[in-house]
Protein backbone atom coordinates (compact mmCIF):
# COMPACT_ATOMS: atom_id res chain seq x y z
CA MET A 1 22.10 111.46 6.45
CA ASN A 2 19.09 111.33 4.15
CA THR A 3 16.47 108.64 4.51
CA ILE A 4 17.48 106.50 1.51
CA LYS A 5 21.14 106.35 2.58
CA LEU A 6 20.08 105.61 6.14
CA ILE A 7 17.90 102.70 5.00
CA PHE A 8 20.82 101.14 3.09
CA ALA A 9 23.16 101.75 6.01
CA SER A 10 20.70 100.10 8.41
CA LEU A 11 21.10 96.83 6.53
CA PHE A 12 24.49 96.27 8.14
CA LYS A 13 24.93 99.04 10.72
CA ASN A 14 23.13 98.99 14.04
CA ASP A 15 23.88 102.66 14.57
CA ALA A 16 21.94 103.49 11.41
CA ALA A 17 18.96 101.42 12.59
CA ILE A 18 19.03 103.23 15.91
CA GLU A 19 19.32 106.55 14.08
CA GLY A 20 16.08 105.62 12.31
CA ARG A 21 14.19 106.48 15.49
CA LYS A 22 14.62 110.14 14.53
CA LYS A 23 12.67 109.61 11.32
CA SER A 24 8.91 109.57 10.91
CA TRP A 25 6.93 106.70 12.43
CA LEU A 26 5.28 106.28 9.03
CA ILE A 27 8.61 105.31 7.47
CA ALA A 28 9.13 102.76 10.25
CA LEU A 29 5.65 101.34 9.66
CA ILE A 30 6.30 101.00 5.92
CA ILE A 31 9.61 99.21 6.58
CA PHE A 32 7.87 96.94 9.12
CA LEU A 33 5.11 95.93 6.69
CA PHE A 34 7.51 95.64 3.75
CA SER A 35 9.84 93.37 5.73
CA THR A 36 7.08 91.02 6.87
CA ILE A 37 5.85 90.66 3.28
CA VAL A 38 9.31 90.22 1.74
CA ALA A 39 10.19 87.50 4.24
CA VAL A 40 7.30 85.25 3.13
CA ILE A 41 7.87 85.57 -0.63
CA PRO A 42 9.92 82.32 -0.92
CA LEU A 43 7.21 80.33 0.86
CA THR A 44 4.50 81.93 -1.28
CA VAL A 45 6.40 81.20 -4.50
CA ALA A 46 7.06 77.60 -3.43
CA THR A 47 3.36 77.07 -2.71
CA ALA A 48 2.34 78.72 -5.99
CA ASN A 49 4.75 76.48 -7.94
CA THR A 50 3.39 73.30 -6.38
CA ASN A 51 0.90 71.62 -8.71
CA GLY A 52 -1.11 68.46 -8.50
CA SER A 53 1.04 66.95 -11.23
CA SER A 54 4.05 67.29 -8.89
CA PHE A 55 2.83 63.96 -7.56
CA PHE A 56 4.29 62.37 -10.69
CA GLY A 57 7.59 64.22 -10.41
CA SER A 58 9.23 61.79 -8.00
CA THR A 59 10.06 58.09 -8.29
CA LEU A 60 6.79 56.40 -9.19
CA TYR A 61 7.64 52.78 -8.30
CA SER A 62 5.64 51.61 -11.37
CA PHE A 63 2.61 53.61 -10.23
CA ASP A 64 2.22 54.90 -13.81
CA ILE A 65 2.07 51.33 -15.09
CA GLY A 66 -0.55 50.44 -12.49
CA LEU A 67 -2.54 53.53 -13.44
CA GLN A 68 -2.51 52.50 -17.10
CA LYS A 69 -3.65 48.98 -16.20
CA PHE A 70 -6.46 50.43 -14.10
CA ASN A 71 -7.55 52.74 -16.90
CA GLN A 72 -7.52 49.85 -19.34
CA ALA A 73 -9.66 47.80 -16.96
CA LEU A 74 -12.19 50.65 -16.81
CA ASP A 75 -12.43 50.72 -20.58
CA ASP A 76 -12.52 46.95 -21.00
CA ASN A 77 -15.37 46.63 -18.50
CA ASN A 78 -17.38 49.69 -19.65
CA ILE A 79 -17.07 51.45 -16.31
CA ASP A 80 -17.31 55.22 -16.35
CA LEU A 81 -15.90 57.60 -13.74
CA THR A 82 -17.51 60.87 -14.72
CA VAL A 83 -17.49 64.33 -13.18
CA ALA A 84 -21.03 65.70 -12.97
CA ALA A 85 -22.84 68.64 -11.37
CA ASN A 86 -25.33 67.69 -8.65
CA LEU A 87 -28.47 69.58 -7.62
CA ASP A 88 -26.36 71.93 -5.48
CA SER A 89 -24.14 72.71 -8.49
CA GLU A 90 -21.25 70.86 -6.85
CA HIS A 91 -18.92 68.92 -9.10
CA ILE A 92 -18.92 65.32 -7.96
CA LEU A 93 -17.55 62.04 -9.28
CA VAL A 94 -20.08 59.45 -10.35
CA THR A 95 -19.47 55.77 -11.06
CA THR A 96 -21.46 54.15 -13.86
CA GLY A 97 -21.22 50.38 -14.16
CA ASP A 98 -20.17 47.70 -11.69
CA PRO A 99 -16.55 48.13 -10.55
CA SER A 100 -16.64 44.80 -8.72
CA VAL A 101 -16.08 42.99 -12.03
CA MET A 102 -12.50 44.31 -11.83
CA TYR A 103 -11.86 42.97 -8.33
CA GLN A 104 -9.80 39.87 -7.57
CA GLY A 105 -11.15 37.17 -5.30
CA THR A 106 -12.54 38.67 -2.11
CA ASP A 107 -11.04 42.12 -2.78
CA THR A 108 -13.31 45.16 -2.55
CA PHE A 109 -11.01 47.25 -4.72
CA TYR A 110 -9.13 47.09 -7.99
CA ARG A 111 -5.61 45.68 -7.61
CA TYR A 112 -2.73 45.45 -10.05
CA ASN A 113 0.20 43.24 -9.07
CA ASN A 114 3.69 43.07 -10.54
CA PRO A 115 3.51 39.99 -12.83
CA VAL A 116 7.03 38.92 -11.80
CA SER A 117 7.17 39.55 -8.04
CA ASP A 118 3.39 39.48 -7.49
CA GLN A 119 3.80 42.52 -5.26
CA THR A 120 0.87 44.93 -5.39
CA ILE A 121 1.67 48.02 -7.46
CA ILE A 122 -1.58 49.92 -7.01
CA LYS A 123 -4.97 49.65 -5.36
CA VAL A 124 -7.96 51.71 -6.45
CA TYR A 125 -10.96 52.14 -4.17
CA PHE A 126 -14.39 53.30 -5.36
CA LYS A 127 -16.08 55.38 -2.65
CA THR A 128 -18.32 57.54 -4.83
CA GLU A 129 -21.40 56.27 -2.99
CA SER A 130 -19.98 57.13 0.44
CA THR A 131 -20.34 60.38 2.35
CA VAL A 132 -17.44 62.80 2.62
CA THR A 133 -16.90 61.82 6.26
CA GLU A 134 -16.94 58.11 5.45
CA THR A 135 -14.39 58.59 2.68
CA THR A 136 -12.11 60.68 4.88
CA ASP A 137 -12.29 58.13 7.68
CA PHE A 138 -11.52 55.35 5.20
CA VAL A 139 -8.38 57.12 3.97
CA THR A 140 -7.32 57.88 7.54
CA ALA A 141 -7.60 54.18 8.37
CA LEU A 142 -5.41 53.26 5.39
CA LEU A 143 -2.76 55.73 6.51
CA ALA A 144 -2.88 54.28 10.02
CA LEU A 145 -2.04 50.72 8.92
CA THR A 146 0.91 49.10 10.69
CA ASN A 147 3.43 46.89 8.92
CA THR A 148 5.56 44.34 10.77
CA SER A 149 6.95 40.91 10.01
CA THR A 150 4.43 39.38 12.41
CA ALA A 151 1.51 41.48 11.13
CA PRO A 152 2.04 42.59 7.51
CA GLY A 153 -0.24 45.51 6.71
CA ASP A 154 -0.83 44.79 3.00
CA ILE A 155 0.34 48.34 2.27
CA SER A 156 0.74 49.60 -1.29
CA SER A 157 0.29 52.72 -3.37
CA PHE A 158 -3.40 53.55 -3.70
CA ILE A 159 -6.04 55.90 -5.05
CA VAL A 160 -9.39 56.53 -3.38
CA PHE A 161 -12.14 58.05 -5.52
CA GLY A 162 -14.78 59.70 -3.37
CA SER A 163 -17.81 61.64 -4.55
CA HIS A 164 -16.31 65.03 -3.66
CA ALA A 165 -12.60 64.33 -3.37
CA MET A 166 -9.86 61.96 -4.43
CA TYR A 167 -6.76 60.82 -2.61
CA ALA A 168 -3.55 59.27 -3.95
CA TYR A 169 -0.60 57.97 -1.93
CA LEU A 170 2.65 56.52 -3.18
CA TYR A 171 4.75 54.01 -1.23
CA ASN A 172 8.23 52.58 -1.73
CA PRO A 173 7.58 48.85 -2.33
CA ALA A 174 11.06 47.92 -1.09
CA GLY A 175 10.33 49.61 2.22
CA VAL A 176 6.97 47.86 2.42
CA ALA A 177 8.65 44.50 1.76
CA ASP A 178 11.28 44.93 4.51
CA PHE A 179 8.63 46.28 6.95
CA SER A 180 10.30 49.69 7.34
CA VAL A 181 7.33 51.45 5.74
CA ALA A 182 3.91 51.65 7.39
CA GLY A 183 0.77 53.46 6.29
CA SER A 184 2.00 56.82 7.52
CA ASN A 185 5.38 56.51 5.76
CA TYR A 186 4.19 57.30 2.25
CA ALA A 187 6.68 58.78 -0.22
CA THR A 188 4.21 61.23 -1.79
CA GLY A 189 0.62 62.15 -1.00
CA PHE A 190 -2.11 63.99 -2.86
CA GLN A 191 -5.62 65.25 -2.15
CA GLY A 192 -7.85 66.98 -4.66
CA ASN A 193 -11.46 67.74 -5.49
CA PHE A 194 -13.49 68.14 -8.67
CA THR A 195 -14.53 71.78 -8.37
CA ALA A 196 -12.33 72.98 -11.25
CA ILE A 197 -12.97 69.97 -13.51
CA GLU A 198 -15.44 70.33 -16.34
CA PRO A 199 -18.64 68.28 -15.93
CA GLY A 200 -18.66 65.44 -18.41
CA THR A 201 -14.98 64.60 -17.92
CA ASN A 202 -14.75 60.80 -17.99
CA LEU A 203 -11.62 59.23 -16.53
CA ARG A 204 -12.25 56.13 -18.61
CA ASN A 205 -11.36 58.11 -21.75
CA PHE A 206 -7.91 59.08 -20.50
CA ILE A 207 -6.50 55.98 -22.13
CA LYS A 208 -8.05 56.72 -25.54
CA TYR A 209 -8.28 60.47 -26.16
CA ASP A 210 -5.94 63.37 -25.52
CA ALA A 211 -6.86 66.84 -24.26
CA ASN A 212 -8.03 67.86 -27.75
CA GLY A 213 -10.29 64.84 -28.09
CA ASP A 214 -8.02 63.14 -30.62
CA ALA A 215 -7.66 59.37 -30.35
CA PHE A 216 -4.25 57.83 -29.63
CA ASP A 217 -2.71 54.39 -29.21
CA VAL A 218 -1.50 53.93 -25.63
CA THR A 219 0.83 51.09 -26.69
CA THR A 220 3.10 53.61 -28.42
CA ALA A 221 5.57 55.89 -26.65
CA ALA A 222 3.70 58.98 -27.87
CA GLY A 223 0.41 57.48 -26.68
CA GLN A 224 1.80 56.75 -23.22
CA THR A 225 2.96 60.35 -22.95
CA LYS A 226 -0.50 61.60 -23.87
CA PHE A 227 -2.04 59.18 -21.39
CA MET A 228 0.12 60.50 -18.54
CA ASN A 229 -0.54 64.09 -19.64
CA ASN A 230 -4.26 63.42 -19.21
CA TRP A 231 -3.72 62.31 -15.63
CA LYS A 232 -1.30 65.12 -14.85
CA SER A 233 -3.83 67.66 -16.11
CA PHE A 234 -6.53 66.00 -14.02
CA PHE A 235 -4.35 66.16 -10.90
CA ASP A 236 -3.53 69.84 -11.57
CA LYS A 237 -7.18 70.76 -11.88
CA SER A 238 -8.12 68.67 -8.85
CA TYR A 239 -5.56 70.48 -6.75
CA SER A 240 -6.20 74.00 -8.06
CA GLN A 241 -8.83 75.08 -5.51
CA ILE A 242 -6.92 73.56 -2.60
CA LYS A 243 -3.78 75.25 -3.87
CA GLN A 244 -5.46 78.67 -3.91
CA THR A 245 -6.78 78.19 -0.38
CA LEU A 246 -3.41 76.96 0.85
CA LEU A 247 -1.61 79.81 -0.90
CA TRP A 248 -3.64 82.53 0.79
CA SER A 249 -3.88 80.85 4.18
CA SER A 250 -0.19 79.92 4.46
CA THR A 251 0.91 83.37 3.25
CA GLY A 252 -1.45 85.14 5.65
CA ILE A 253 -0.38 82.97 8.58
CA MET A 254 3.33 83.51 7.92
CA ILE A 255 2.88 87.27 7.54
CA GLY A 256 1.08 87.23 10.88
CA VAL A 257 3.82 85.13 12.49
CA ASP A 258 6.57 87.40 11.16
CA ALA A 259 4.66 90.47 12.36
CA ILE A 260 4.34 88.96 15.84
CA ILE A 261 8.06 88.15 15.88
CA GLY A 262 8.78 91.75 14.88
CA ILE A 263 6.58 93.09 17.67
CA PHE A 264 8.23 90.73 20.15
CA MET A 265 11.68 91.97 19.12
CA ILE A 266 10.49 95.57 19.45
CA LEU A 267 9.38 94.83 23.01
CA MET A 268 12.78 93.24 23.66
CA ILE A 269 14.49 96.45 22.55
CA PHE A 270 12.29 98.46 24.89
CA ILE A 271 12.95 96.11 27.81
CA LEU A 272 16.70 95.91 27.19
CA THR A 273 17.05 99.69 27.33
CA ARG A 274 15.40 100.07 30.74
CA GLY A 275 17.54 100.85 33.73
CA LYS A 276 19.25 104.03 34.83
CA SER A 277 22.71 102.72 33.92
CA ASN A 278 21.66 102.29 30.29
CA PRO A 279 22.34 105.44 28.25
CA ASN A 280 19.32 104.57 26.11
CA HIS A 281 16.85 104.40 28.98
CA THR A 282 15.06 107.45 27.60
CA PHE A 283 13.89 105.48 24.54
CA SER A 284 10.10 105.40 24.42
CA ILE A 285 8.02 102.52 23.09
CA LEU A 286 7.68 104.48 19.86
CA ASP A 287 11.47 104.75 19.64
CA ALA A 288 11.73 100.99 20.19
CA PHE A 289 9.15 100.43 17.44
CA LYS A 290 11.15 102.56 15.01
CA ILE A 291 14.46 100.88 15.88
CA GLY A 292 12.94 97.40 15.65
CA SER A 293 11.28 98.17 12.33
CA TRP A 294 14.46 99.58 10.82
CA SER A 295 16.28 96.45 12.05
CA MET A 296 13.86 94.09 10.27
CA LEU A 297 14.84 94.93 6.72
CA SER A 298 18.16 93.07 6.56
CA PRO A 299 16.75 89.83 8.13
CA ALA A 300 13.88 90.03 5.65
CA LEU A 301 16.23 90.33 2.67
CA ILE A 302 18.38 87.48 3.99
CA ALA A 303 15.23 85.38 4.38
CA LEU A 304 14.25 86.30 0.83
CA ILE A 305 17.56 85.08 -0.59
CA LEU A 306 18.14 82.01 1.56
CA GLY A 307 14.47 81.04 1.40
CA PHE A 308 14.77 80.28 -2.30
CA ILE A 309 17.92 78.21 -1.66
CA PHE A 310 16.69 76.33 1.41
CA THR A 311 12.98 76.13 0.67
CA SER A 312 12.26 73.66 3.46
CA TYR A 313 13.48 76.17 6.05
CA ALA A 314 12.01 79.29 4.44
CA SER A 315 9.50 79.82 7.24
CA MET A 316 12.22 79.77 9.92
CA ILE A 317 14.98 81.86 8.36
CA PHE A 318 13.44 85.27 9.12
CA ILE A 319 12.74 84.31 12.73
CA MET A 320 16.34 83.15 13.24
CA THR A 321 18.00 86.11 11.50
CA MET A 322 15.76 88.65 13.25
CA GLY A 323 16.66 87.13 16.61
CA LEU A 324 20.36 87.27 15.75
CA ARG A 325 20.08 90.91 14.65
CA ILE A 326 18.46 92.02 17.90
CA MET A 327 20.94 89.95 19.93
CA TRP A 328 23.84 91.58 18.08
CA MET A 329 22.32 95.04 18.57
CA SER A 330 21.69 94.48 22.28
CA MET A 331 25.27 93.32 22.86
CA LYS A 332 26.96 96.06 20.84
CA ASN A 333 24.72 99.12 20.93
CA LEU A 334 21.99 98.85 23.55
CA ARG A 335 23.89 97.46 26.53
CA PRO A 336 24.31 99.47 29.74
CA MET A 337 27.43 101.56 30.19
CA PRO A 338 30.22 99.51 31.78
CA THR A 339 30.92 100.41 35.37
CA GLY A 340 34.44 101.44 36.19
CA PRO A 341 36.53 100.00 39.00
CA ALA A 342 35.85 101.22 42.50
CA PRO A 343 38.29 103.94 43.64
CA VAL A 344 41.16 102.74 45.78
CA LYS A 345 41.21 104.17 49.29
CA LYS A 346 44.46 105.65 50.48
């Protein structure tokens, strides 16, 4: 059987995968590497298709209204939130003006409440004067808030603007009200930085000018769309560097994990064929490597298909199917020869 036919046969025949041990080790290595890469494609695609603006793709619980009110407050009070380059050429966010004029009572943040229920829709914190560590610790503390009937946590959707990064978290207000949602139970979370945002970008202008610099009226439907497009674009750019880092790191880690699983299964094949009663006890470690590699292709293709359907389980499908393939092979093709009944003495 030629190599191409044998590869196709190995997708569903254990005998063909075992026959692959007679082929070159280079073919086995190519199949091994190809399988580990194919298996992570769904996860890579899912990560690549995740954008910062995905934050706005779920139920917003009036977060968009609160964002518009916040932006209007910036403009009404002549407060600028501008991306600038510092002396180290880092893109940072700078606050110009006094944000405290937007605070209510003893608050140290901007708050917009639902005018009917008086429930807080959004909080916006200005931490552009804080260090990166201070900002991170502040966000961590917000996410650690408890929420019970005896100790309400004053939890609501929020944005934190730091000098180097921004954070946004969305909460279900109904869950907050019935105390089933604490700080860690956010519906959607976001973290971004300003590396990919052009210096001079002023968040205050999001409510007045579109991406082309043309003025619009936010009180119209078209104006509200342009307003949200400004924020979606800002979130996309804020997330772009993190996305690239996550894309390469998650893909590399999963390729490494799948390769380790493959090596583990190869060792299992070698171990399972030991013993004098096993007709395959002459298999060397190289034979086991070839058999294991030829066996990886069908689990990888299954992981490729199912990974796009069940995205949440994409990282586990290859591991499960590879384990099942080796288990099936060990039970049907690599088991020791059955021993016959002892002869009956006359």
